[in-house]
PDB file of N, CA and C in Angstrom:
ATOM      1  N   MET A   1      21.688  18.643  15.924  1.00  0.00           N
ATOM      2  CA  MET A   1      20.851  19.095  14.844  1.00  0.00           C
ATOM      3  C   MET A   1      20.964  20.616  14.749  1.00  0.00           C
ATOM      4  N   VAL A   2      21.287  21.099  13.587  1.00  0.00           N
ATOM      5  CA  VAL A   2      21.476  22.526  13.364  1.00  0.00           C
ATOM      6  C   VAL A   2      20.229  23.064  12.676  1.00  0.00           C
ATOM      7  N   MET A   3      19.685  24.140  13.223  1.00  0.00           N
ATOM      8  CA  MET A   3      18.489  24.741  12.636  1.00  0.00           C
ATOM      9  C   MET A   3      18.884  26.048  11.949  1.00  0.00           C
ATOM     10  N   ALA A   4      18.376  26.274  10.771  1.00  0.00           N
ATOM     11  CA  ALA A   4      18.686  27.490  10.026  1.00  0.00           C
ATOM     12  C   ALA A   4      17.694  28.572  10.403  1.00  0.00           C
ATOM     13  N   ASP A   5      18.175  29.808  10.378  1.00  0.00           N
ATOM     14  CA  ASP A   5      17.302  30.952  10.623  1.00  0.00           C
ATOM     15  C   ASP A   5      16.317  31.091   9.478  1.00  0.00           C
ATOM     16  N   LYS A   6      15.106  31.566   9.777  1.00  0.00           N
ATOM     17  CA  LYS A   6      14.110  31.779   8.740  1.00  0.00           C
ATOM     18  C   LYS A   6      14.553  32.862   7.763  1.00  0.00           C
ATOM     19  N   ASP A   7      15.280  33.848   8.271  1.00  0.00           N
ATOM     20  CA  ASP A   7      15.719  34.942   7.408  1.00  0.00           C
ATOM     21  C   ASP A   7      16.803  34.495   6.440  1.00  0.00           C
ATOM     22  N   GLN A   8      17.579  33.514   6.813  1.00  0.00           N
ATOM     23  CA  GLN A   8      18.688  33.076   5.977  1.00  0.00           C
ATOM     24  C   GLN A   8      18.243  32.105   4.897  1.00  0.00           C
ATOM     25  N   THR A   9      17.161  31.369   5.139  1.00  0.00           N
ATOM     26  CA  THR A   9      16.722  30.360   4.190  1.00  0.00           C
ATOM     27  C   THR A   9      15.635  30.931   3.295  1.00  0.00           C
ATOM     28  N   SER A  10      15.834  30.834   2.008  1.00  0.00           N
ATOM     29  CA  SER A  10      14.846  31.315   1.056  1.00  0.00           C
ATOM     30  C   SER A  10      14.178  30.109   0.400  1.00  0.00           C
ATOM     31  N   TYR A  11      12.863  30.038   0.534  1.00  0.00           N
ATOM     32  CA  TYR A  11      12.124  28.924  -0.056  1.00  0.00           C
ATOM     33  C   TYR A  11      11.543  29.289  -1.411  1.00  0.00           C
ATOM     34  N   GLU A  12      11.737  30.479  -1.842  1.00  0.00           N
ATOM     35  CA  GLU A  12      11.185  30.909  -3.117  1.00  0.00           C
ATOM     36  C   GLU A  12      12.101  30.476  -4.246  1.00  0.00           C
ATOM     37  N   ASP A  13      11.501  29.858  -5.217  1.00  0.00           N
ATOM     38  CA  ASP A  13      12.219  29.394  -6.385  1.00  0.00           C
ATOM     39  C   ASP A  13      11.552  30.036  -7.595  1.00  0.00           C
ATOM     40  N   PRO A  14      12.310  30.623  -8.496  1.00  0.00           N
ATOM     41  CA  PRO A  14      11.689  31.281  -9.647  1.00  0.00           C
ATOM     42  C   PRO A  14      10.861  30.329 -10.497  1.00  0.00           C
ATOM     43  N   ASN A  15      11.145  29.046 -10.442  1.00  0.00           N
ATOM     44  CA  ASN A  15      10.409  28.070 -11.236  1.00  0.00           C
ATOM     45  C   ASN A  15       9.085  27.674 -10.581  1.00  0.00           C
ATOM     46  N   ASP A  16       8.901  28.050  -9.312  1.00  0.00           N
ATOM     47  CA  ASP A  16       7.679  27.674  -8.605  1.00  0.00           C
ATOM     48  C   ASP A  16       6.433  28.249  -9.275  1.00  0.00           C
ATOM     49  N   GLU A  17       6.535  29.482  -9.736  1.00  0.00           N
ATOM     50  CA  GLU A  17       5.366  30.100 -10.352  1.00  0.00           C
ATOM     51  C   GLU A  17       4.983  29.369 -11.637  1.00  0.00           C
ATOM     52  N   ASP A  18       5.973  28.970 -12.420  1.00  0.00           N
ATOM     53  CA  ASP A  18       5.694  28.216 -13.643  1.00  0.00           C
ATOM     54  C   ASP A  18       5.086  26.858 -13.311  1.00  0.00           C
ATOM     55  N   ARG A  19       5.629  26.226 -12.300  1.00  0.00           N
ATOM     56  CA  ARG A  19       5.106  24.913 -11.885  1.00  0.00           C
ATOM     57  C   ARG A  19       3.670  25.040 -11.398  1.00  0.00           C
ATOM     58  N   LEU A  20       3.378  26.096 -10.654  1.00  0.00           N
ATOM     59  CA  LEU A  20       2.022  26.306 -10.173  1.00  0.00           C
ATOM     60  C   LEU A  20       1.064  26.572 -11.328  1.00  0.00           C
ATOM     61  N   ASP A  21       1.514  27.323 -12.315  1.00  0.00           N
ATOM     62  CA  ASP A  21       0.674  27.576 -13.483  1.00  0.00           C
ATOM     63  C   ASP A  21       0.358  26.277 -14.227  1.00  0.00           C
ATOM     64  N   ARG A  22       1.378  25.456 -14.418  1.00  0.00           N
ATOM     65  CA  ARG A  22       1.162  24.170 -15.092  1.00  0.00           C
ATOM     66  C   ARG A  22       0.220  23.283 -14.290  1.00  0.00           C
ATOM     67  N   LEU A  23       0.405  23.271 -12.976  1.00  0.00           N
ATOM     68  CA  LEU A  23      -0.473  22.472 -12.122  1.00  0.00           C
ATOM     69  C   LEU A  23      -1.906  22.980 -12.216  1.00  0.00           C
ATOM     70  N   GLY A  24      -2.078  24.289 -12.205  1.00  0.00           N
ATOM     71  CA  GLY A  24      -3.413  24.862 -12.340  1.00  0.00           C
ATOM     72  C   GLY A  24      -4.075  24.479 -13.655  1.00  0.00           C
ATOM     73  N   GLN A  25      -3.294  24.466 -14.726  1.00  0.00           N
ATOM     74  CA  GLN A  25      -3.825  24.079 -16.030  1.00  0.00           C
ATOM     75  C   GLN A  25      -4.226  22.611 -16.046  1.00  0.00           C
ATOM     76  N   LYS A  26      -3.409  21.770 -15.415  1.00  0.00           N
ATOM     77  CA  LYS A  26      -3.744  20.337 -15.350  1.00  0.00           C
ATOM     78  C   LYS A  26      -5.018  20.113 -14.549  1.00  0.00           C
ATOM     79  N   ILE A  27      -5.165  20.835 -13.447  1.00  0.00           N
ATOM     80  CA  ILE A  27      -6.365  20.695 -12.616  1.00  0.00           C
ATOM     81  C   ILE A  27      -7.597  21.164 -13.382  1.00  0.00           C
ATOM     82  N   ALA A  28      -7.467  22.282 -14.077  1.00  0.00           N
ATOM     83  CA  ALA A  28      -8.594  22.804 -14.856  1.00  0.00           C
ATOM     84  C   ALA A  28      -8.984  21.823 -15.955  1.00  0.00           C
ATOM     85  N   LYS A  29      -7.987  21.224 -16.593  1.00  0.00           N
ATOM     86  CA  LYS A  29      -8.259  20.255 -17.648  1.00  0.00           C
ATOM     87  C   LYS A  29      -8.954  19.024 -17.082  1.00  0.00           C
ATOM     88  N   ALA A  30      -8.475  18.533 -15.945  1.00  0.00           N
ATOM     89  CA  ALA A  30      -9.080  17.355 -15.325  1.00  0.00           C
ATOM     90  C   ALA A  30     -10.508  17.645 -14.879  1.00  0.00           C
ATOM     91  N   ARG A  31     -10.731  18.808 -14.315  1.00  0.00           N
ATOM     92  CA  ARG A  31     -12.090  19.168 -13.888  1.00  0.00           C
ATOM     93  C   ARG A  31     -13.015  19.295 -15.081  1.00  0.00           C
ATOM     94  N   GLY A  32     -12.520  19.837 -16.157  1.00  0.00           N
ATOM     95  CA  GLY A  32     -13.340  19.993 -17.351  1.00  0.00           C
ATOM     96  C   GLY A  32     -13.776  18.660 -17.909  1.00  0.00           C
ATOM     97  N   GLU A  33     -12.912  17.688 -17.877  1.00  0.00           N
ATOM     98  CA  GLU A  33     -13.248  16.372 -18.405  1.00  0.00           C
ATOM     99  C   GLU A  33     -14.231  15.645 -17.494  1.00  0.00           C
ATOM    100  N   LYS A  34     -14.089  15.806 -16.192  1.00  0.00           N
ATOM    101  CA  LYS A  34     -14.949  15.086 -15.270  1.00  0.00           C
ATOM    102  C   LYS A  34     -16.340  15.691 -15.171  1.00  0.00           C
ATOM    103  N   HIS A  35     -16.472  16.975 -15.483  1.00  0.00           N
ATOM    104  CA  HIS A  35     -17.773  17.615 -15.362  1.00  0.00           C
ATOM    105  C   HIS A  35     -18.617  17.454 -16.615  1.00  0.00           C
ATOM    106  N   GLU A  36     -18.109  16.754 -17.587  1.00  0.00           N
ATOM    107  CA  GLU A  36     -18.878  16.543 -18.807  1.00  0.00           C
ATOM    108  C   GLU A  36     -19.777  15.336 -18.640  1.00  0.00           C
ATOM    109  N   THR A  37     -20.648  15.399 -17.655  1.00  0.00           N
ATOM    110  CA  THR A  37     -21.609  14.322 -17.459  1.00  0.00           C
ATOM    111  C   THR A  37     -22.994  14.872 -17.692  1.00  0.00           C
ATOM    112  N   GLY A  38     -23.844  14.038 -18.093  1.00  0.00           N
ATOM    113  CA  GLY A  38     -25.211  14.450 -18.353  1.00  0.00           C
ATOM    114  C   GLY A  38     -26.044  13.229 -18.678  1.00  0.00           C
ATOM    115  N   PRO A  39     -27.269  13.432 -19.102  1.00  0.00           N
ATOM    116  CA  PRO A  39     -28.138  12.302 -19.393  1.00  0.00           C
ATOM    117  C   PRO A  39     -27.580  11.383 -20.470  1.00  0.00           C
ATOM    118  N   GLU A  40     -26.842  11.937 -21.427  1.00  0.00           N
ATOM    119  CA  GLU A  40     -26.328  11.098 -22.508  1.00  0.00           C
ATOM    120  C   GLU A  40     -25.147  10.236 -22.084  1.00  0.00           C
ATOM    121  N   THR A  41     -24.548  10.482 -20.937  1.00  0.00           N
ATOM    122  CA  THR A  41     -23.389   9.705 -20.522  1.00  0.00           C
ATOM    123  C   THR A  41     -23.763   8.487 -19.696  1.00  0.00           C
ATOM    124  N   HIS A  42     -25.009   8.394 -19.264  1.00  0.00           N
ATOM    125  CA  HIS A  42     -25.422   7.251 -18.467  1.00  0.00           C
ATOM    126  C   HIS A  42     -25.793   6.089 -19.387  1.00  0.00           C
ATOM    127  N   SER A  43     -25.407   4.882 -18.990  1.00  0.00           N
ATOM    128  CA  SER A  43     -25.767   3.731 -19.800  1.00  0.00           C
ATOM    129  C   SER A  43     -27.222   3.354 -19.524  1.00  0.00           C
ATOM    130  N   THR A  44     -27.810   2.670 -20.458  1.00  0.00           N
ATOM    131  CA  THR A  44     -29.201   2.252 -20.314  1.00  0.00           C
ATOM    132  C   THR A  44     -29.349   1.268 -19.161  1.00  0.00           C
ATOM    133  N   LEU A  45     -28.398   0.377 -19.025  1.00  0.00           N
ATOM    134  CA  LEU A  45     -28.445  -0.587 -17.923  1.00  0.00           C
ATOM    135  C   LEU A  45     -28.334   0.121 -16.581  1.00  0.00           C
ATOM    136  N   GLY A  46     -27.474   1.114 -16.492  1.00  0.00           N
ATOM    137  CA  GLY A  46     -27.335   1.875 -15.258  1.00  0.00           C
ATOM    138  C   GLY A  46     -28.611   2.605 -14.895  1.00  0.00           C
ATOM    139  N   LYS A  47     -29.285   3.153 -15.898  1.00  0.00           N
ATOM    140  CA  LYS A  47     -30.561   3.835 -15.654  1.00  0.00           C
ATOM    141  C   LYS A  47     -31.593   2.849 -15.124  1.00  0.00           C
ATOM    142  N   GLY A  48     -31.644   1.690 -15.730  1.00  0.00           N
ATOM    143  CA  GLY A  48     -32.603   0.665 -15.290  1.00  0.00           C
ATOM    144  C   GLY A  48     -32.355   0.215 -13.865  1.00  0.00           C
ATOM    145  N   TRP A  49     -31.095  -0.013 -13.531  1.00  0.00           N
ATOM    146  CA  TRP A  49     -30.768  -0.426 -12.168  1.00  0.00           C
ATOM    147  C   TRP A  49     -31.101   0.659 -11.160  1.00  0.00           C
ATOM    148  N   ARG A  50     -30.860   1.897 -11.534  1.00  0.00           N
ATOM    149  CA  ARG A  50     -31.183   2.989 -10.608  1.00  0.00           C
ATOM    150  C   ARG A  50     -32.681   3.039 -10.342  1.00  0.00           C
ATOM    151  N   LEU A  51     -33.477   2.929 -11.397  1.00  0.00           N
ATOM    152  CA  LEU A  51     -34.928   2.981 -11.229  1.00  0.00           C
ATOM    153  C   LEU A  51     -35.438   1.792 -10.425  1.00  0.00           C
ATOM    154  N   ALA A  52     -34.901   0.611 -10.705  1.00  0.00           N
ATOM    155  CA  ALA A  52     -35.318  -0.583  -9.962  1.00  0.00           C
ATOM    156  C   ALA A  52     -34.957  -0.455  -8.489  1.00  0.00           C
ATOM    157  N   THR A  53     -33.782   0.067  -8.217  1.00  0.00           N
ATOM    158  CA  THR A  53     -33.354   0.234  -6.834  1.00  0.00           C
ATOM    159  C   THR A  53     -34.240   1.237  -6.109  1.00  0.00           C
ATOM    160  N   GLU A  54     -34.564   2.335  -6.783  1.00  0.00           N
ATOM    161  CA  GLU A  54     -35.441   3.345  -6.184  1.00  0.00           C
ATOM    162  C   GLU A  54     -36.798   2.740  -5.846  1.00  0.00           C
ATOM    163  N   LEU A  55     -37.326   1.920  -6.743  1.00  0.00           N
ATOM    164  CA  LEU A  55     -38.658   1.367  -6.566  1.00  0.00           C
ATOM    165  C   LEU A  55     -38.705   0.270  -5.505  1.00  0.00           C
ATOM    166  N   VAL A  56     -37.622  -0.468  -5.342  1.00  0.00           N
ATOM    167  CA  VAL A  56     -37.608  -1.586  -4.395  1.00  0.00           C
ATOM    168  C   VAL A  56     -37.149  -1.148  -3.001  1.00  0.00           C
ATOM    169  N   ALA A  57     -36.189  -0.264  -2.933  1.00  0.00           N
ATOM    170  CA  ALA A  57     -35.596   0.085  -1.636  1.00  0.00           C
ATOM    171  C   ALA A  57     -36.564   0.843  -0.733  1.00  0.00           C
ATOM    172  N   ALA A  58     -37.326   1.772  -1.282  1.00  0.00           N
ATOM    173  CA  ALA A  58     -38.217   2.587  -0.445  1.00  0.00           C
ATOM    174  C   ALA A  58     -39.270   1.749   0.276  1.00  0.00           C
ATOM    175  N   PRO A  59     -39.996   0.835  -0.402  1.00  0.00           N
ATOM    176  CA  PRO A  59     -40.964   0.014   0.339  1.00  0.00           C
ATOM    177  C   PRO A  59     -40.299  -0.924   1.350  1.00  0.00           C
ATOM    178  N   MET A  60     -39.095  -1.398   1.033  1.00  0.00           N
ATOM    179  CA  MET A  60     -38.418  -2.290   1.980  1.00  0.00           C
ATOM    180  C   MET A  60     -38.036  -1.547   3.257  1.00  0.00           C
ATOM    181  N   VAL A  61     -37.493  -0.352   3.106  1.00  0.00           N
ATOM    182  CA  VAL A  61     -37.081   0.427   4.279  1.00  0.00           C
ATOM    183  C   VAL A  61     -38.299   0.842   5.100  1.00  0.00           C
ATOM    184  N   ALA A  62     -39.317   1.370   4.426  1.00  0.00           N
ATOM    185  CA  ALA A  62     -40.517   1.803   5.142  1.00  0.00           C
ATOM    186  C   ALA A  62     -41.242   0.610   5.761  1.00  0.00           C
ATOM    187  N   GLY A  63     -41.261  -0.527   5.066  1.00  0.00           N
ATOM    188  CA  GLY A  63     -41.875  -1.734   5.622  1.00  0.00           C
ATOM    189  C   GLY A  63     -41.125  -2.235   6.845  1.00  0.00           C
ATOM    190  N   ALA A  64     -39.802  -2.177   6.800  1.00  0.00           N
ATOM    191  CA  ALA A  64     -38.997  -2.588   7.960  1.00  0.00           C
ATOM    192  C   ALA A  64     -39.255  -1.668   9.152  1.00  0.00           C
ATOM    193  N   MET A  65     -39.394  -0.386   8.870  1.00  0.00           N
ATOM    194  CA  MET A  65     -39.711   0.549   9.958  1.00  0.00           C
ATOM    195  C   MET A  65     -41.104   0.246  10.526  1.00  0.00           C
ATOM    196  N   GLY A  66     -42.062  -0.046   9.653  1.00  0.00           N
ATOM    197  CA  GLY A  66     -43.404  -0.402  10.101  1.00  0.00           C
ATOM    198  C   GLY A  66     -43.408  -1.683  10.913  1.00  0.00           C
ATOM    199  N   LEU A  67     -42.623  -2.659  10.489  1.00  0.00           N
ATOM    200  CA  LEU A  67     -42.519  -3.917  11.231  1.00  0.00           C
ATOM    201  C   LEU A  67     -41.929  -3.677  12.613  1.00  0.00           C
ATOM    202  N   GLY A  68     -40.923  -2.823  12.672  1.00  0.00           N
ATOM    203  CA  GLY A  68     -40.338  -2.479  13.966  1.00  0.00           C
ATOM    204  C   GLY A  68     -41.348  -1.815  14.887  1.00  0.00           C
ATOM    205  N   LEU A  69     -42.149  -0.907  14.351  1.00  0.00           N
ATOM    206  CA  LEU A  69     -43.204  -0.280  15.142  1.00  0.00           C
ATOM    207  C   LEU A  69     -44.245  -1.306  15.587  1.00  0.00           C
ATOM    208  N   ASP A  70     -44.614  -2.217  14.695  1.00  0.00           N
ATOM    209  CA  ASP A  70     -45.588  -3.252  15.040  1.00  0.00           C
ATOM    210  C   ASP A  70     -45.098  -4.133  16.179  1.00  0.00           C
ATOM    211  N   ARG A  71     -43.852  -4.525  16.106  1.00  0.00           N
ATOM    212  CA  ARG A  71     -43.311  -5.381  17.178  1.00  0.00           C
ATOM    213  C   ARG A  71     -43.205  -4.620  18.488  1.00  0.00           C
ATOM    214  N   TRP A  72     -42.881  -3.346  18.410  1.00  0.00           N
ATOM    215  CA  TRP A  72     -42.744  -2.537  19.617  1.00  0.00           C
ATOM    216  C   TRP A  72     -44.107  -2.264  20.260  1.00  0.00           C
ATOM    217  N   LEU A  73     -45.106  -1.984  19.402  1.00  0.00           N
ATOM    218  CA  LEU A  73     -46.435  -1.658  19.912  1.00  0.00           C
ATOM    219  C   LEU A  73     -47.382  -2.851  19.981  1.00  0.00           C
ATOM    220  N   GLY A  74     -46.994  -3.986  19.406  1.00  0.00           N
ATOM    221  CA  GLY A  74     -47.834  -5.182  19.417  1.00  0.00           C
ATOM    222  C   GLY A  74     -49.042  -5.074  18.504  1.00  0.00           C
ATOM    223  N   THR A  75     -48.899  -4.391  17.393  1.00  0.00           N
ATOM    224  CA  THR A  75     -50.020  -4.196  16.465  1.00  0.00           C
ATOM    225  C   THR A  75     -49.735  -4.841  15.112  1.00  0.00           C
ATOM    226  N   LEU A  76     -49.136  -6.035  15.122  1.00  0.00           N
ATOM    227  CA  LEU A  76     -48.706  -6.685  13.877  1.00  0.00           C
ATOM    228  C   LEU A  76     -49.772  -6.643  12.808  1.00  0.00           C
ATOM    229  N   PRO A  77     -49.643  -6.447  11.714  1.00  0.00           N
ATOM    230  CA  PRO A  77     -49.545  -6.018  10.354  1.00  0.00           C
ATOM    231  C   PRO A  77     -49.951  -4.586  10.092  1.00  0.00           C
ATOM    232  N   LEU A  78     -50.478  -3.874  11.086  1.00  0.00           N
ATOM    233  CA  LEU A  78     -50.998  -2.529  10.828  1.00  0.00           C
ATOM    234  C   LEU A  78     -49.920  -1.595  10.272  1.00  0.00           C
ATOM    235  N   PHE A  79     -48.869  -1.339  11.044  1.00  0.00           N
ATOM    236  CA  PHE A  79     -47.833  -0.405  10.594  1.00  0.00           C
ATOM    237  C   PHE A  79     -46.969  -0.990   9.478  1.00  0.00           C
ATOM    238  N   LEU A  80     -46.894  -2.304   9.404  1.00  0.00           N
ATOM    239  CA  LEU A  80     -46.174  -2.940   8.295  1.00  0.00           C
ATOM    240  C   LEU A  80     -46.849  -2.586   6.974  1.00  0.00           C
ATOM    241  N   LEU A  81     -48.165  -2.732   6.927  1.00  0.00           N
ATOM    242  CA  LEU A  81     -48.900  -2.422   5.694  1.00  0.00           C
ATOM    243  C   LEU A  81     -48.868  -0.922   5.387  1.00  0.00           C
ATOM    244  N   ILE A  82     -49.010  -0.110   6.420  1.00  0.00           N
ATOM    245  CA  ILE A  82     -48.933   1.342   6.215  1.00  0.00           C
ATOM    246  C   ILE A  82     -47.545   1.721   5.701  1.00  0.00           C
ATOM    247  N   GLY A  83     -46.505   1.134   6.286  1.00  0.00           N
ATOM    248  CA  GLY A  83     -45.136   1.424   5.863  1.00  0.00           C
ATOM    249  C   GLY A  83     -44.877   1.009   4.431  1.00  0.00           C
ATOM    250  N   ILE A  84     -45.377  -0.159   4.038  1.00  0.00           N
ATOM    251  CA  ILE A  84     -45.190  -0.611   2.657  1.00  0.00           C
ATOM    252  C   ILE A  84     -45.917   0.324   1.699  1.00  0.00           C
ATOM    253  N   GLY A  85     -47.122   0.749   2.069  1.00  0.00           N
ATOM    254  CA  GLY A  85     -47.876   1.681   1.215  1.00  0.00           C
ATOM    255  C   GLY A  85     -47.166   3.015   1.062  1.00  0.00           C
ATOM    256  N   ILE A  86     -46.705   3.564   2.163  1.00  0.00           N
ATOM    257  CA  ILE A  86     -45.972   4.836   2.111  1.00  0.00           C
ATOM    258  C   ILE A  86     -44.661   4.661   1.346  1.00  0.00           C
ATOM    259  N   GLY A  87     -43.995   3.535   1.562  1.00  0.00           N
ATOM    260  CA  GLY A  87     -42.749   3.264   0.849  1.00  0.00           C
ATOM    261  C   GLY A  87     -42.952   3.130  -0.647  1.00  0.00           C
ATOM    262  N   PHE A  88     -44.055   2.490  -1.039  1.00  0.00           N
ATOM    263  CA  PHE A  88     -44.340   2.361  -2.468  1.00  0.00           C
ATOM    264  C   PHE A  88     -44.594   3.733  -3.089  1.00  0.00           C
ATOM    265  N   ALA A  89     -45.361   4.574  -2.376  1.00  0.00           N
ATOM    266  CA  ALA A  89     -45.620   5.930  -2.881  1.00  0.00           C
ATOM    267  C   ALA A  89     -44.317   6.728  -2.983  1.00  0.00           C
ATOM    268  N   ALA A  90     -43.462   6.609  -1.979  1.00  0.00           N
ATOM    269  CA  ALA A  90     -42.176   7.316  -2.011  1.00  0.00           C
ATOM    270  C   ALA A  90     -41.299   6.777  -3.141  1.00  0.00           C
ATOM    271  N   GLY A  91     -41.324   5.464  -3.361  1.00  0.00           N
ATOM    272  CA  GLY A  91     -40.555   4.868  -4.447  1.00  0.00           C
ATOM    273  C   GLY A  91     -41.014   5.362  -5.803  1.00  0.00           C
ATOM    274  N   MET A  92     -42.323   5.467  -5.992  1.00  0.00           N
ATOM    275  CA  MET A  92     -42.842   5.983  -7.259  1.00  0.00           C
ATOM    276  C   MET A  92     -42.453   7.448  -7.455  1.00  0.00           C
ATOM    277  N   LEU A  93     -42.499   8.219  -6.382  1.00  0.00           N
ATOM    278  CA  LEU A  93     -42.076   9.619  -6.461  1.00  0.00           C
ATOM    279  C   LEU A  93     -40.594   9.721  -6.827  1.00  0.00           C
ATOM    280  N   ASN A  94     -39.773   8.869  -6.215  1.00  0.00           N
ATOM    281  CA  ASN A  94     -38.340   8.867  -6.526  1.00  0.00           C
ATOM    282  C   ASN A  94     -38.079   8.451  -7.970  1.00  0.00           C
ATOM    283  N   VAL A  95     -38.822   7.464  -8.462  1.00  0.00           N
ATOM    284  CA  VAL A  95     -38.657   7.029  -9.857  1.00  0.00           C
ATOM    285  C   VAL A  95     -39.052   8.154 -10.799  1.00  0.00           C
ATOM    286  N   THR A  96     -40.146   8.855 -10.480  1.00  0.00           N
ATOM    287  CA  THR A  96     -40.579   9.974 -11.315  1.00  0.00           C
ATOM    288  C   THR A  96     -39.513  11.062 -11.355  1.00  0.00           C
ATOM    289  N   ARG A  97     -38.941  11.381 -10.207  1.00  0.00           N
ATOM    290  CA  ARG A  97     -37.881  12.392 -10.163  1.00  0.00           C
ATOM    291  C   ARG A  97     -36.648  11.933 -10.934  1.00  0.00           C
ATOM    292  N   ALA A  98     -36.287  10.677 -10.783  1.00  0.00           N
ATOM    293  CA  ALA A  98     -35.113  10.153 -11.491  1.00  0.00           C
ATOM    294  C   ALA A  98     -35.331  10.171 -12.996  1.00  0.00           C
ATOM    295  N   MET A  99     -36.543   9.856 -13.437  1.00  0.00           N
ATOM    296  CA  MET A  99     -36.837   9.880 -14.866  1.00  0.00           C
ATOM    297  C   MET A  99     -36.736  11.303 -15.414  1.00  0.00           C
ATOM    298  N   LYS A 100     -37.176  12.278 -14.642  1.00  0.00           N
ATOM    299  CA  LYS A 100     -37.068  13.673 -15.090  1.00  0.00           C
ATOM    300  C   LYS A 100     -35.618  14.102 -15.176  1.00  0.00           C
ATOM    301  N   GLU A 101     -34.772  13.619 -14.259  1.00  0.00           N
ATOM    302  CA  GLU A 101     -33.336  13.945 -14.313  1.00  0.00           C
ATOM    303  C   GLU A 101     -32.683  13.337 -15.540  1.00  0.00           C
ATOM    304  N   MET A 102     -33.100  12.128 -15.899  1.00  0.00           N
ATOM    305  CA  MET A 102     -32.481  11.423 -17.014  1.00  0.00           C
ATOM    306  C   MET A 102     -32.988  11.913 -18.361  1.00  0.00           C
ATOM    307  N   GLU A 103     -34.113  12.570 -18.361  1.00  0.00           N
ATOM    308  CA  GLU A 103     -34.715  13.038 -19.590  1.00  0.00           C
ATOM    309  C   GLU A 103     -33.898  14.189 -20.176  1.00  0.00           C
ATOM    310  N   PRO A 104     -33.538  14.098 -21.435  1.00  0.00           N
ATOM    311  CA  PRO A 104     -32.773  15.204 -22.027  1.00  0.00           C
ATOM    312  C   PRO A 104     -33.653  16.443 -22.128  1.00  0.00           C
ATOM    313  N   ASP A 105     -32.996  17.610 -22.040  1.00  0.00           N
ATOM    314  CA  ASP A 105     -33.729  18.871 -22.140  1.00  0.00           C
ATOM    315  C   ASP A 105     -34.318  19.002 -23.533  1.00  0.00           C
ATOM    316  N   LYS A 106     -35.606  19.276 -23.570  1.00  0.00           N
ATOM    317  CA  LYS A 106     -36.289  19.406 -24.855  1.00  0.00           C
ATOM    318  C   LYS A 106     -36.350  20.849 -25.320  1.00  0.00           C
ATOM    319  N   GLY A 107     -35.965  21.780 -24.451  1.00  0.00           N
ATOM    320  CA  GLY A 107     -36.004  23.192 -24.802  1.00  0.00           C
ATOM    321  C   GLY A 107     -37.359  23.766 -24.448  1.00  0.00           C
ATOM    322  N   ASP A 108     -37.436  25.084 -24.452  1.00  0.00           N
ATOM    323  CA  ASP A 108     -38.671  25.770 -24.110  1.00  0.00           C
ATOM    324  C   ASP A 108     -39.272  26.418 -25.355  1.00  0.00           C
ATOM    325  N   ASP A 109     -39.551  25.627 -26.376  1.00  0.00           N
ATOM    326  CA  ASP A 109     -40.112  26.152 -27.610  1.00  0.00           C
ATOM    327  C   ASP A 109     -41.610  26.356 -27.503  1.00  0.00           C
ATOM    328  N   ASP A 110     -42.261  25.836 -26.458  1.00  0.00           N
ATOM    329  CA  ASP A 110     -43.709  25.924 -26.312  1.00  0.00           C
ATOM    330  C   ASP A 110     -44.162  27.296 -25.857  1.00  0.00           C
ATOM    331  N   ASP A 111     -43.265  28.171 -25.454  1.00  0.00           N
ATOM    332  CA  ASP A 111     -43.623  29.475 -24.910  1.00  0.00           C
ATOM    333  C   ASP A 111     -44.009  30.489 -25.976  1.00  0.00           C
ATOM    334  N   GLU A 112     -43.833  30.172 -27.240  1.00  0.00           N
ATOM    335  CA  GLU A 112     -44.076  31.140 -28.307  1.00  0.00           C
ATOM    336  C   GLU A 112     -45.529  31.401 -28.495  1.00  0.00           C
TER     337      GLU A 112
END
């Protein structure tokens, strides 16, 4: 196997700069298209599923944690009920936050 000296081999190609420019333009174009997301791009069904998932998942997770504590401490239904209550409150908070994210900006015309 013959190895070439670094000084003898030139890796610079005059077309490389043009190719890099074209690649940069393609990347910028692709990024521009992908970042055009907002409240108007979400489907109504997707919004509904997100809200339902937020509302159901939090009480289930917190309830499971409460059940685990109950079994560990031998205090069955106490922490289960507390966990479900906290989970429901967290789920409602998450739904409220998600609704605010999905809400289109109405502008700040009320400041006048």
